[in-house]
Protein backbone atom coordinates (compact mmCIF):
# COMPACT_ATOMS: atom_id res chain seq x y z
CA MET A 1 18.52 -24.03 -34.83
CA ARG A 2 16.18 -22.93 -37.59
CA PHE A 3 14.55 -20.36 -35.33
CA HIS A 4 17.92 -19.07 -34.31
CA CYS A 5 18.99 -18.61 -38.01
CA VAL A 6 15.78 -16.63 -38.73
CA ILE A 7 16.38 -14.25 -35.80
CA VAL A 8 20.01 -13.74 -36.84
CA ALA A 9 19.05 -13.11 -40.44
CA ILE A 10 16.44 -10.47 -39.36
CA LEU A 11 18.66 -8.64 -36.87
CA PHE A 12 22.12 -9.18 -38.25
CA PRO A 13 21.87 -9.45 -42.07
CA THR A 14 25.61 -9.06 -42.76
CA PHE A 15 26.41 -12.17 -40.73
CA ALA A 16 23.45 -14.14 -42.11
CA ALA A 17 23.29 -12.89 -45.75
CA ALA A 18 23.62 -16.55 -46.81
CA GLN A 19 23.11 -19.70 -44.68
CA PRO A 20 25.41 -22.70 -44.97
CA PRO A 21 24.04 -25.88 -46.59
CA ALA A 22 21.67 -28.00 -44.56
CA ALA A 23 23.38 -30.56 -42.40
CA ASN A 24 23.84 -34.11 -43.68
CA PRO A 25 21.99 -36.53 -41.37
CA ALA A 26 24.83 -39.03 -41.88
CA VAL A 27 27.49 -36.66 -40.51
CA ALA A 28 26.82 -37.73 -36.94
CA GLU A 29 28.06 -41.19 -37.83
CA ARG A 30 31.44 -39.97 -38.93
CA ILE A 31 33.09 -40.20 -35.50
CA THR A 32 34.26 -43.86 -35.46
CA PRO A 33 34.72 -45.93 -32.29
CA GLU A 34 38.44 -45.51 -32.71
CA ALA A 35 38.06 -41.75 -32.84
CA GLU A 36 35.78 -41.78 -29.86
CA ARG A 37 38.42 -43.54 -27.81
CA ALA A 38 41.06 -41.11 -29.00
CA ILE A 39 38.86 -38.26 -28.03
CA GLU A 40 38.24 -39.56 -24.57
CA ARG A 41 41.95 -40.20 -24.00
CA GLY A 42 42.78 -36.72 -25.25
CA LEU A 43 40.14 -34.97 -23.20
CA ARG A 44 41.30 -36.76 -20.05
CA TRP A 45 44.98 -36.00 -20.69
CA LEU A 46 44.19 -32.29 -21.33
CA ALA A 47 42.21 -32.12 -18.05
CA ARG A 48 45.23 -33.53 -16.16
CA GLN A 49 47.36 -30.65 -17.60
CA GLN A 50 45.16 -27.85 -16.27
CA HIS A 51 46.73 -25.84 -13.48
CA GLU A 52 45.00 -24.94 -10.30
CA ASP A 53 44.30 -21.45 -11.54
CA GLY A 54 42.48 -22.77 -14.61
CA SER A 55 45.29 -22.09 -17.16
CA LEU A 56 47.12 -24.52 -19.53
CA GLY A 57 50.63 -24.44 -20.88
CA THR A 58 54.08 -25.34 -19.83
CA GLY A 59 57.50 -23.67 -19.80
CA ALA A 60 57.46 -20.32 -21.61
CA TYR A 61 53.78 -20.86 -22.52
CA HIS A 62 52.56 -21.38 -18.99
CA GLY A 63 49.32 -19.40 -18.68
CA ASN A 64 49.08 -18.45 -22.32
CA VAL A 65 45.51 -17.33 -22.95
CA ALA A 66 45.33 -18.77 -26.43
CA LEU A 67 46.26 -22.28 -25.19
CA THR A 68 43.93 -22.00 -22.23
CA ALA A 69 41.02 -20.97 -24.42
CA LEU A 70 41.61 -23.71 -26.97
CA GLY A 71 41.67 -26.29 -24.18
CA GLY A 72 38.36 -24.91 -22.95
CA THR A 73 36.99 -25.04 -26.50
CA ALA A 74 38.01 -28.67 -26.80
CA TRP A 75 35.98 -29.52 -23.66
CA LEU A 76 33.10 -27.56 -24.90
CA ALA A 77 33.22 -29.40 -28.24
CA GLY A 78 32.61 -32.67 -26.32
CA GLY A 79 29.32 -31.36 -24.91
CA SER A 80 30.33 -30.16 -21.45
CA THR A 81 29.42 -26.64 -20.36
CA PRO A 82 30.55 -24.45 -17.46
CA GLY A 83 29.92 -26.41 -14.38
CA ARG A 84 28.12 -29.24 -16.13
CA GLY A 85 29.21 -32.42 -17.85
CA PRO A 86 32.40 -34.54 -17.50
CA TYR A 87 34.60 -31.47 -18.00
CA GLY A 88 32.32 -28.75 -16.60
CA ARG A 89 34.65 -28.00 -13.77
CA GLU A 90 37.58 -27.57 -16.11
CA ILE A 91 35.52 -25.23 -18.34
CA GLU A 92 34.35 -23.10 -15.43
CA ARG A 93 37.97 -22.76 -14.26
CA THR A 94 39.02 -21.76 -17.74
CA VAL A 95 36.29 -19.07 -17.83
CA ALA A 96 37.50 -17.74 -14.44
CA TYR A 97 41.10 -17.58 -15.56
CA LEU A 98 40.33 -15.66 -18.77
CA LEU A 99 38.08 -13.24 -17.00
CA ALA A 100 40.75 -12.60 -14.42
CA ARG A 101 43.19 -11.82 -17.31
CA THR A 102 40.86 -9.36 -18.97
CA GLN A 103 42.31 -5.79 -18.62
CA GLN A 104 40.17 -2.70 -18.14
CA SER A 105 40.66 -1.96 -21.83
CA GLY A 106 39.07 -5.34 -22.74
CA PHE A 107 42.49 -6.87 -23.68
CA ILE A 108 42.70 -10.53 -22.60
CA ILE A 109 46.37 -11.35 -21.89
CA ASP A 110 48.69 -12.96 -19.50
CA ARG A 111 51.86 -10.83 -19.86
CA ARG A 112 54.05 -13.40 -18.10
CA GLY A 113 54.03 -15.98 -20.87
CA ALA A 114 55.35 -16.21 -24.39
CA SER A 115 53.01 -15.64 -27.30
CA HIS A 116 53.02 -15.77 -31.07
CA GLY A 117 51.08 -12.52 -31.05
CA PRO A 118 48.85 -11.21 -28.24
CA MET A 119 45.89 -10.67 -30.59
CA TYR A 120 45.79 -14.42 -31.27
CA GLY A 121 45.33 -15.05 -27.58
CA HIS A 122 42.80 -12.30 -27.38
CA GLY A 123 40.81 -13.73 -30.32
CA PHE A 124 40.69 -17.31 -29.15
CA ALA A 125 39.84 -16.20 -25.65
CA THR A 126 37.08 -13.90 -26.80
CA MET A 127 35.58 -16.67 -28.95
CA PHE A 128 35.68 -19.16 -26.07
CA LEU A 129 33.99 -16.66 -23.70
CA ALA A 130 31.39 -15.85 -26.26
CA ASP A 131 30.59 -19.55 -26.71
CA CYS A 132 30.19 -19.79 -22.90
CA TYR A 133 28.07 -16.68 -22.59
CA GLY A 134 24.55 -17.60 -21.38
CA MET A 135 25.82 -20.86 -19.91
CA SER A 136 28.01 -19.46 -17.20
CA PRO A 137 26.62 -17.98 -13.90
CA ARG A 138 29.48 -15.42 -13.73
CA ARG A 139 27.89 -11.91 -13.70
CA GLU A 140 31.02 -10.22 -14.93
CA LEU A 141 31.14 -12.23 -18.16
CA ARG A 142 28.95 -9.99 -20.29
CA ASN A 143 30.73 -6.75 -19.42
CA LYS A 144 34.16 -8.19 -19.93
CA LEU A 145 33.16 -9.97 -23.17
CA ALA A 146 31.74 -6.73 -24.46
CA ALA A 147 34.93 -4.87 -23.66
CA ALA A 148 36.92 -7.56 -25.46
CA VAL A 149 34.65 -7.28 -28.52
CA LYS A 150 35.05 -3.48 -28.56
CA LEU A 151 38.77 -3.77 -28.48
CA ILE A 152 38.74 -6.01 -31.60
CA ILE A 153 36.41 -3.53 -33.38
CA HIS A 154 38.56 -0.49 -32.51
CA SER A 155 41.85 -2.15 -33.52
CA GLN A 156 40.81 -2.98 -37.03
CA ASN A 157 43.13 -1.25 -39.48
CA LYS A 158 42.30 0.78 -42.53
CA GLU A 159 42.75 -2.25 -44.76
CA GLY A 160 40.05 -4.13 -42.85
CA GLY A 161 42.33 -6.51 -40.98
CA TRP A 162 44.25 -7.03 -37.77
CA ARG A 163 47.79 -7.81 -36.65
CA TYR A 164 49.61 -9.02 -33.53
CA GLN A 165 48.95 -5.96 -31.35
CA PRO A 166 45.58 -4.28 -30.54
CA GLN A 167 46.45 -1.35 -32.69
CA PRO A 168 45.12 -0.33 -36.14
CA ALA A 169 48.49 -0.53 -37.86
CA ASP A 170 49.23 -3.39 -40.33
CA ALA A 171 47.32 -6.57 -40.92
CA ASP A 172 47.81 -10.22 -41.87
CA ILE A 173 45.29 -12.87 -42.85
CA SER A 174 46.00 -15.21 -39.95
CA VAL A 175 45.32 -12.76 -37.10
CA THR A 176 42.45 -11.29 -39.16
CA VAL A 177 40.54 -14.60 -39.32
CA CYS A 178 41.05 -15.17 -35.60
CA GLN A 179 39.34 -11.87 -34.85
CA MET A 180 36.55 -12.46 -37.35
CA MET A 181 35.76 -15.79 -35.61
CA ALA A 182 35.69 -13.99 -32.26
CA LEU A 183 33.30 -11.37 -33.67
CA ARG A 184 31.02 -14.00 -35.14
CA ALA A 185 30.90 -15.89 -31.74
CA ALA A 186 30.07 -12.58 -30.07
CA ARG A 187 27.35 -11.83 -32.60
CA ASN A 188 25.89 -15.25 -32.05
CA ALA A 189 25.81 -14.44 -28.36
CA GLY A 190 23.86 -11.20 -29.02
CA LEU A 191 26.59 -8.65 -28.71
CA PHE A 192 26.73 -5.69 -31.11
CA VAL A 193 29.23 -5.87 -34.01
CA PRO A 194 29.00 -3.07 -36.64
CA THR A 195 28.15 -4.13 -40.17
CA GLU A 196 30.91 -2.01 -41.47
CA THR A 197 33.53 -3.94 -39.49
CA VAL A 198 32.40 -7.16 -41.10
CA GLU A 199 32.25 -5.77 -44.64
CA ARG A 200 35.70 -4.28 -44.37
CA CYS A 201 37.09 -7.62 -43.27
CA VAL A 202 35.44 -9.45 -46.08
CA ASP A 203 36.95 -7.03 -48.56
CA TYR A 204 40.37 -7.53 -47.00
CA LEU A 205 40.06 -11.35 -47.42
CA ARG A 206 39.11 -10.93 -50.99
CA ARG A 207 42.12 -8.82 -51.71
CA CYS A 208 44.33 -11.52 -50.19
CA GLN A 209 43.14 -14.31 -52.54
CA ASN A 210 45.64 -15.30 -55.28
CA PRO A 211 44.64 -16.45 -58.73
CA ASP A 212 45.26 -20.09 -57.81
CA GLY A 213 42.50 -19.90 -55.16
CA GLY A 214 44.88 -19.82 -52.20
CA PHE A 215 45.64 -16.79 -50.01
CA MET A 216 48.71 -14.64 -49.41
CA TYR A 217 49.84 -13.65 -45.93
CA MET A 218 49.44 -9.85 -46.26
CA ALA A 219 47.47 -7.96 -48.85
CA ILE A 220 49.87 -5.07 -48.90
CA ALA A 221 52.93 -7.30 -49.47
CA GLY A 222 51.57 -9.97 -51.82
CA GLY A 223 53.13 -13.46 -51.78
CA ASP A 224 52.51 -17.07 -52.56
CA SER A 225 49.59 -19.13 -51.36
CA LEU A 226 49.98 -21.66 -48.50
CA PHE A 227 47.57 -24.27 -47.25
CA PRO A 228 47.28 -23.30 -43.57
CA ARG A 229 46.44 -19.64 -44.12
CA SER A 230 44.24 -20.46 -47.05
CA ALA A 231 42.13 -22.77 -44.91
CA ALA A 232 41.90 -20.00 -42.41
CA ALA A 233 40.76 -17.52 -44.98
CA ILE A 234 37.84 -19.62 -46.08
CA VAL A 235 36.71 -19.89 -42.40
CA GLY A 236 37.01 -16.07 -42.24
CA PHE A 237 34.53 -15.69 -45.04
CA GLN A 238 32.20 -18.26 -43.46
CA SER A 239 32.43 -16.43 -40.13
CA ALA A 240 31.34 -13.29 -41.89
CA GLY A 241 28.31 -15.06 -43.37
CA VAL A 242 29.81 -15.62 -46.86
CA TYR A 243 29.17 -19.36 -47.52
CA GLU A 244 28.92 -19.32 -51.27
CA GLY A 245 30.57 -17.50 -54.16
CA PRO A 246 33.65 -17.74 -56.46
CA GLU A 247 36.07 -17.00 -53.57
CA ILE A 248 34.75 -20.02 -51.72
CA ASP A 249 34.68 -22.32 -54.75
CA ARG A 250 38.26 -21.44 -55.80
CA GLY A 251 39.48 -21.64 -52.21
CA VAL A 252 38.03 -25.10 -51.58
CA GLU A 253 39.41 -26.35 -54.87
CA TYR A 254 42.83 -25.10 -53.71
CA LEU A 255 42.52 -26.79 -50.28
CA LEU A 256 41.58 -30.16 -51.70
CA GLN A 257 45.06 -30.41 -53.17
CA PHE A 258 46.13 -30.92 -49.58
CA LEU A 259 43.76 -33.71 -48.54
CA PRO A 260 45.48 -35.66 -45.76
CA GLU A 261 47.12 -38.88 -47.05
CA PRO A 262 48.80 -41.57 -45.03
CA GLY A 263 52.49 -41.06 -44.81
CA VAL A 264 52.40 -37.62 -46.43
CA ALA A 265 53.53 -34.77 -44.12
CA ARG A 266 52.58 -31.32 -45.33
CA HIS A 267 53.31 -27.97 -43.61
CA GLU A 268 54.28 -29.86 -40.45
CA ALA A 269 55.14 -26.76 -38.40
CA TYR A 270 51.59 -25.48 -38.84
CA TYR A 271 49.90 -28.83 -39.15
CA PHE A 272 47.35 -28.56 -36.33
CA TYR A 273 46.66 -24.90 -37.18
CA GLY A 274 45.95 -25.87 -40.81
CA GLN A 275 43.66 -28.78 -39.96
CA TYR A 276 41.84 -26.79 -37.33
CA TYR A 277 40.70 -24.36 -40.07
CA ALA A 278 40.46 -26.79 -42.93
CA VAL A 279 37.98 -29.10 -41.17
CA GLN A 280 35.83 -26.10 -40.31
CA ALA A 281 35.86 -24.88 -43.93
CA MET A 282 34.81 -28.30 -45.19
CA TRP A 283 32.13 -28.65 -42.50
CA HIS A 284 30.38 -25.57 -43.59
CA VAL A 285 30.76 -26.31 -47.29
CA GLY A 286 29.33 -29.86 -46.69
CA GLY A 287 28.75 -32.33 -49.52
CA GLU A 288 31.66 -34.17 -51.17
CA PRO A 289 34.40 -31.92 -49.77
CA TRP A 290 33.37 -32.67 -46.20
CA GLU A 291 32.80 -36.43 -46.92
CA ARG A 292 36.36 -36.60 -48.23
CA TRP A 293 38.08 -34.42 -45.69
CA TYR A 294 36.87 -35.40 -42.37
CA PRO A 295 37.45 -39.20 -42.58
CA ALA A 296 40.92 -38.50 -43.88
CA VAL A 297 41.97 -36.18 -41.09
CA ARG A 298 40.13 -38.22 -38.51
CA ASP A 299 42.05 -41.31 -39.29
CA GLU A 300 45.31 -39.44 -39.57
CA LEU A 301 44.79 -37.86 -36.13
CA VAL A 302 43.95 -41.18 -34.55
CA ARG A 303 47.14 -42.65 -35.91
CA ARG A 304 49.17 -39.68 -34.65
CA GLN A 305 48.01 -39.77 -31.02
CA HIS A 306 50.42 -40.89 -28.32
CA GLU A 307 49.31 -43.84 -26.20
CA ASP A 308 49.18 -41.49 -23.17
CA GLY A 309 46.49 -39.40 -24.88
CA PHE A 310 48.33 -36.27 -26.16
CA TRP A 311 49.34 -35.43 -29.69
CA PRO A 312 53.12 -34.94 -30.18
CA THR A 313 54.43 -31.83 -31.94
CA THR A 314 57.60 -29.84 -32.23
CA TYR A 315 55.60 -26.59 -32.55
CA ILE A 316 54.59 -24.74 -29.29
CA ASN A 317 53.70 -27.66 -27.07
CA ARG A 318 51.53 -30.80 -26.53
CA GLU A 319 48.64 -28.92 -25.04
CA TYR A 320 48.31 -26.82 -28.12
CA ALA A 321 48.44 -29.76 -30.45
CA THR A 322 46.11 -31.86 -28.29
CA ALA A 323 43.45 -29.07 -27.97
CA MET A 324 43.56 -28.45 -31.71
CA ALA A 325 43.30 -32.18 -32.63
CA LEU A 326 40.40 -32.65 -30.21
CA ILE A 327 38.49 -29.70 -31.73
CA VAL A 328 39.02 -31.17 -35.23
CA LEU A 329 37.87 -34.60 -34.25
CA GLN A 330 34.74 -33.32 -32.47
CA VAL A 331 33.42 -30.95 -35.19
CA PRO A 332 30.68 -33.40 -36.22
CA ASN A 333 29.19 -33.21 -32.68
CA ASP A 334 27.97 -29.68 -33.70
CA TYR A 335 28.03 -28.57 -30.12
CA LEU A 336 30.07 -25.43 -30.47
CA PRO A 337 27.86 -22.41 -31.36
CA ILE A 338 30.65 -20.97 -33.62
CA PHE A 339 30.75 -24.18 -35.68
CA GLN A 340 26.99 -24.84 -35.94
CA ARG A 341 25.46 -25.09 -39.31
């Protein structure tokens, strides 16, 4: 990992201007036996939900590329890779499905299913494929991944962000962070990402931060801070190589107000989204914030799991909630390239 960081710093200084804190050797011990059992039940349940074509999702969300990519990411986070490991078959089928849904323009989408914004699906799918790049034998992966990355670069708007469609129109912080993570994963895989694209995104994120340390939804419209999008914004900075600074300090201080507590439900509609980003933010910050956050969300997620292995939710569907919960619980494994310190 140290060698990898040196190479990235030399070739891609914008992404590696600052390195995150050194990993805590005790972190690996943070996944308790109870959490291990919850993870195994969840991974098995998710595998049973995969359709023959490699997709995930039910009802209106059948075949949704975001859900499918998040499921694939959950299996990767457990240590399986395309064709290898307990969920190697499921991951390889996920790769095949997403590549088959990659348009000539590079846009990754299944137009039959519902979506909360096609660029969300594109961002999650691009990130997953970038994490698989180099581990999959599929020859078409590089070309299609490169096309997907170019589409993100060319659809960045003048503010420095992205919105629901692959067009340089308006921007919001949630979609913007999703694209920034995809670009970071692509850069980690060795694909070209212009320095200017990253710098403009960082500037956009800074303009979205409120005085309380949290983040508004759209820079052009203003607005109050909310926990889920504020957690995402911190990860956006970290994905761009900004691990330290006043924006990080103030943002983390804001997030710690929402430390998971037994019996306290916060932002329930976006619960899994918020925790997905918050645990990543604290993982890269390390130290006391991580030591406080992960055990709290770990134990909460273990309590929330249904006995059949899925995580219940009233937002989107069980596959979404279960994939997000599994990714959160497995962050200490440090297997995903995009999450590695």
